[in-house]
């Protein structure tokens, strides 16, 4: 909540306008596969795309009001959903290139990476032999061994 807000147009934002949402959709699809629900991947991707599309359109209205011509130029040069290739991105917004912006984007979205621990832990624990468990831990044990 700093006062030095600027329009993010460097780093992953040179490839597409919504790299975080695309990453979240990929994480959801990956977790669905990890949970062996491959049949649900198209449903998860479609649901996330619909939800994020509404959020993106709302955000774009706010960004357009706040940054006006800067945002119009940026949105004309960079696609909303489909990422550009790295060479295309370098050609369109090369003057804004800053490698530190990739680090900043990852530092903001670290919690998404942490969420991957849950299915990874489930996979690790489910491969262990089942010890005799009684008492209040039984429901938790059954969750990880589904």
Foldseek 3Di string as FASTA:
>chain_A
DDPPDDQDCEDQNLFAPCPPLVVLLVLQLVLCVLVVNNVCNVVSSVVSCVVVVVVVVVVLVVCCVVVPPVSVLSPVQHHHPGTDPPVSSCVRPVVPYDNVVNVVVCVVVVVSVVVVVVSVVLVVLLPDDDDDDDDPCVVVSVVSND
